[in-house]
Amino acid sequence: MDKEKEQNPDPIVDAIFDTLHALGPGKSASPMDIARAFAASRAKPKDPPDLWRRYLKAVKQQMVHLARTGRIEITRKGQPVDPNDFKGVVRLRLPMKE
C-alpha cells in the first residue's frame, strides 16, 4: 500500500485504495462510499453535510482511470465490467487473483 501512495499524487486515488484495502480481498465499495469517506476526512465544521457530492465526479473519473490500468475492477452485480462501456449502479474492488 505504501508503494501505491508514493505513485499517487492524487488524494482521491489514495482514498480509493485506502477504502478498498480496509475492506479486504473480494469486498467492494460504491463510489458514493468513497466520496463520503474522502469528504469526511477533509470536512471543516462549517461544511454542509452533503459535501461528499462535490467529490463524487472526481472519484468516478479516477475509478475509470484505475480500472483501465488494471489497478482496480469496476463491478456491476458482482461481475467486472468494461471501464470504457458501463452504466448503472457499480462498485469498486481490488482485482481478484486468478
C-alpha atoms as a PDB file:
ATOM      1  CA  MET A   1       0.000   0.000   0.000  1.00  0.00           C
ATOM      2  CA  ASP A   2       2.847   2.439   0.733  1.00  0.00           C
ATOM      3  CA  LYS A   3       4.213   1.837  -2.761  1.00  0.00           C
ATOM      4  CA  GLU A   4       0.826   2.853  -4.186  1.00  0.00           C
ATOM      5  CA  LYS A   5       0.768   6.036  -2.099  1.00  0.00           C
ATOM      6  CA  GLU A   6       4.183   7.028  -3.485  1.00  0.00           C
ATOM      7  CA  GLN A   7       2.862   6.621  -7.034  1.00  0.00           C
ATOM      8  CA  ASN A   8      -0.354   8.579  -6.396  1.00  0.00           C
ATOM      9  CA  PRO A   9      -0.088  12.316  -6.095  1.00  0.00           C
ATOM     10  CA  ASP A  10      -3.912  12.484  -6.205  1.00  0.00           C
ATOM     11  CA  PRO A  11      -5.602  12.252  -2.777  1.00  0.00           C
ATOM     12  CA  ILE A  12      -8.746  10.801  -4.417  1.00  0.00           C
ATOM     13  CA  VAL A  13      -6.692   7.830  -5.640  1.00  0.00           C
ATOM     14  CA  ASP A  14      -5.307   7.406  -2.124  1.00  0.00           C
ATOM     15  CA  ALA A  15      -8.859   7.444  -0.737  1.00  0.00           C
ATOM     16  CA  ILE A  16      -9.956   4.757  -3.213  1.00  0.00           C
ATOM     17  CA  PHE A  17      -7.061   2.461  -2.288  1.00  0.00           C
ATOM     18  CA  ASP A  18      -7.342   3.164   1.445  1.00  0.00           C
ATOM     19  CA  THR A  19     -11.031   2.220   1.375  1.00  0.00           C
ATOM     20  CA  LEU A  20     -10.537  -0.911  -0.732  1.00  0.00           C
ATOM     21  CA  HIS A  21      -7.565  -2.144   1.293  1.00  0.00           C
ATOM     22  CA  ALA A  22      -9.515  -1.616   4.530  1.00  0.00           C
ATOM     23  CA  LEU A  23     -12.380  -3.745   3.184  1.00  0.00           C
ATOM     24  CA  GLY A  24     -10.115  -6.632   2.255  1.00  0.00           C
ATOM     25  CA  PRO A  25      -9.981  -9.094  -0.640  1.00  0.00           C
ATOM     26  CA  GLY A  26     -13.188  -9.705  -2.558  1.00  0.00           C
ATOM     27  CA  LYS A  27     -15.068  -6.856  -0.855  1.00  0.00           C
ATOM     28  CA  SER A  28     -16.310  -3.822  -2.757  1.00  0.00           C
ATOM     29  CA  ALA A  29     -17.331  -0.213  -2.151  1.00  0.00           C
ATOM     30  CA  SER A  30     -19.559   2.159  -4.052  1.00  0.00           C
ATOM     31  CA  PRO A  31     -18.157   5.381  -5.500  1.00  0.00           C
ATOM     32  CA  MET A  32     -20.518   7.204  -3.123  1.00  0.00           C
ATOM     33  CA  ASP A  33     -18.969   5.418  -0.104  1.00  0.00           C
ATOM     34  CA  ILE A  34     -15.511   6.555  -1.184  1.00  0.00           C
ATOM     35  CA  ALA A  35     -16.654  10.135  -1.834  1.00  0.00           C
ATOM     36  CA  ARG A  36     -18.294  10.227   1.613  1.00  0.00           C
ATOM     37  CA  ALA A  37     -15.147   8.938   3.328  1.00  0.00           C
ATOM     38  CA  PHE A  38     -12.958  11.402   1.436  1.00  0.00           C
ATOM     39  CA  ALA A  39     -15.263  14.319   2.267  1.00  0.00           C
ATOM     40  CA  ALA A  40     -15.370  13.305   5.930  1.00  0.00           C
ATOM     41  CA  SER A  41     -11.571  13.329   6.075  1.00  0.00           C
ATOM     42  CA  ARG A  42     -11.434  16.882   4.675  1.00  0.00           C
ATOM     43  CA  ALA A  43     -14.569  18.418   6.208  1.00  0.00           C
ATOM     44  CA  LYS A  44     -14.468  21.604   8.193  1.00  0.00           C
ATOM     45  CA  PRO A  45     -17.087  22.453  10.832  1.00  0.00           C
ATOM     46  CA  LYS A  46     -18.963  24.857   8.529  1.00  0.00           C
ATOM     47  CA  ASP A  47     -19.155  22.475   5.545  1.00  0.00           C
ATOM     48  CA  PRO A  48     -22.597  21.180   4.518  1.00  0.00           C
ATOM     49  CA  PRO A  49     -23.499  17.545   5.257  1.00  0.00           C
ATOM     50  CA  ASP A  50     -23.613  16.745   1.529  1.00  0.00           C
ATOM     51  CA  LEU A  51     -20.019  17.886   0.933  1.00  0.00           C
ATOM     52  CA  TRP A  52     -19.290  14.406  -0.454  1.00  0.00           C
ATOM     53  CA  ARG A  53     -21.262  15.245  -3.626  1.00  0.00           C
ATOM     54  CA  ARG A  54     -18.515  17.704  -4.562  1.00  0.00           C
ATOM     55  CA  TYR A  55     -16.038  14.811  -4.790  1.00  0.00           C
ATOM     56  CA  LEU A  56     -18.207  12.177  -6.495  1.00  0.00           C
ATOM     57  CA  LYS A  57     -17.289  13.170 -10.066  1.00  0.00           C
ATOM     58  CA  ALA A  58     -13.567  13.062  -9.241  1.00  0.00           C
ATOM     59  CA  VAL A  59     -13.981   9.611  -7.658  1.00  0.00           C
ATOM     60  CA  LYS A  60     -15.759   8.347 -10.776  1.00  0.00           C
ATOM     61  CA  GLN A  61     -13.100   9.793 -13.086  1.00  0.00           C
ATOM     62  CA  GLN A  62     -10.308   8.177 -11.085  1.00  0.00           C
ATOM     63  CA  MET A  63     -12.107   4.821 -10.824  1.00  0.00           C
ATOM     64  CA  VAL A  64     -12.346   4.638 -14.630  1.00  0.00           C
ATOM     65  CA  HIS A  65      -8.675   5.543 -14.998  1.00  0.00           C
ATOM     66  CA  LEU A  66      -7.581   2.986 -12.371  1.00  0.00           C
ATOM     67  CA  ALA A  67      -9.772   0.284 -13.920  1.00  0.00           C
ATOM     68  CA  ARG A  68      -8.340   0.942 -17.386  1.00  0.00           C
ATOM     69  CA  THR A  69      -4.843   0.393 -15.987  1.00  0.00           C
ATOM     70  CA  GLY A  70      -5.929  -2.784 -14.158  1.00  0.00           C
ATOM     71  CA  ARG A  71      -5.317  -1.464 -10.635  1.00  0.00           C
ATOM     72  CA  ILE A  72      -8.970  -1.888  -9.594  1.00  0.00           C
ATOM     73  CA  GLU A  73     -12.098  -3.511 -11.023  1.00  0.00           C
ATOM     74  CA  ILE A  74     -15.447  -1.854 -11.619  1.00  0.00           C
ATOM     75  CA  THR A  75     -18.253  -4.333 -10.991  1.00  0.00           C
ATOM     76  CA  ARG A  76     -21.964  -4.474 -11.652  1.00  0.00           C
ATOM     77  CA  LYS A  77     -23.976  -7.203  -9.939  1.00  0.00           C
ATOM     78  CA  GLY A  78     -20.684  -8.730  -8.769  1.00  0.00           C
ATOM     79  CA  GLN A  79     -19.207  -9.099 -12.267  1.00  0.00           C
ATOM     80  CA  PRO A  80     -16.368  -6.976 -13.707  1.00  0.00           C
ATOM     81  CA  VAL A  81     -17.463  -4.536 -16.413  1.00  0.00           C
ATOM     82  CA  ASP A  82     -15.583  -2.803 -19.215  1.00  0.00           C
ATOM     83  CA  PRO A  83     -14.355   0.535 -17.798  1.00  0.00           C
ATOM     84  CA  ASN A  84     -14.932   2.089 -21.222  1.00  0.00           C
ATOM     85  CA  ASP A  85     -18.556   0.952 -21.513  1.00  0.00           C
ATOM     86  CA  PHE A  86     -20.713   0.593 -18.411  1.00  0.00           C
ATOM     87  CA  LYS A  87     -23.786   2.171 -16.887  1.00  0.00           C
ATOM     88  CA  GLY A  88     -25.945   1.791 -13.849  1.00  0.00           C
ATOM     89  CA  VAL A  89     -25.049   1.117 -10.251  1.00  0.00           C
ATOM     90  CA  VAL A  90     -21.439  -0.029  -9.931  1.00  0.00           C
ATOM     91  CA  ARG A  91     -18.991  -0.878  -7.171  1.00  0.00           C
ATOM     92  CA  LEU A  92     -15.204  -0.936  -6.944  1.00  0.00           C
ATOM     93  CA  ARG A  93     -12.909  -3.671  -5.734  1.00  0.00           C
ATOM     94  CA  LEU A  94      -9.303  -4.688  -5.896  1.00  0.00           C
ATOM     95  CA  PRO A  95      -8.547  -7.085  -8.763  1.00  0.00           C
ATOM     96  CA  MET A  96      -9.384 -10.703  -7.993  1.00  0.00           C
ATOM     97  CA  LYS A  97      -6.428 -13.093  -8.119  1.00  0.00           C
ATOM     98  CA  GLU A  98      -6.928 -15.886 -10.614  1.00  0.00           C
END
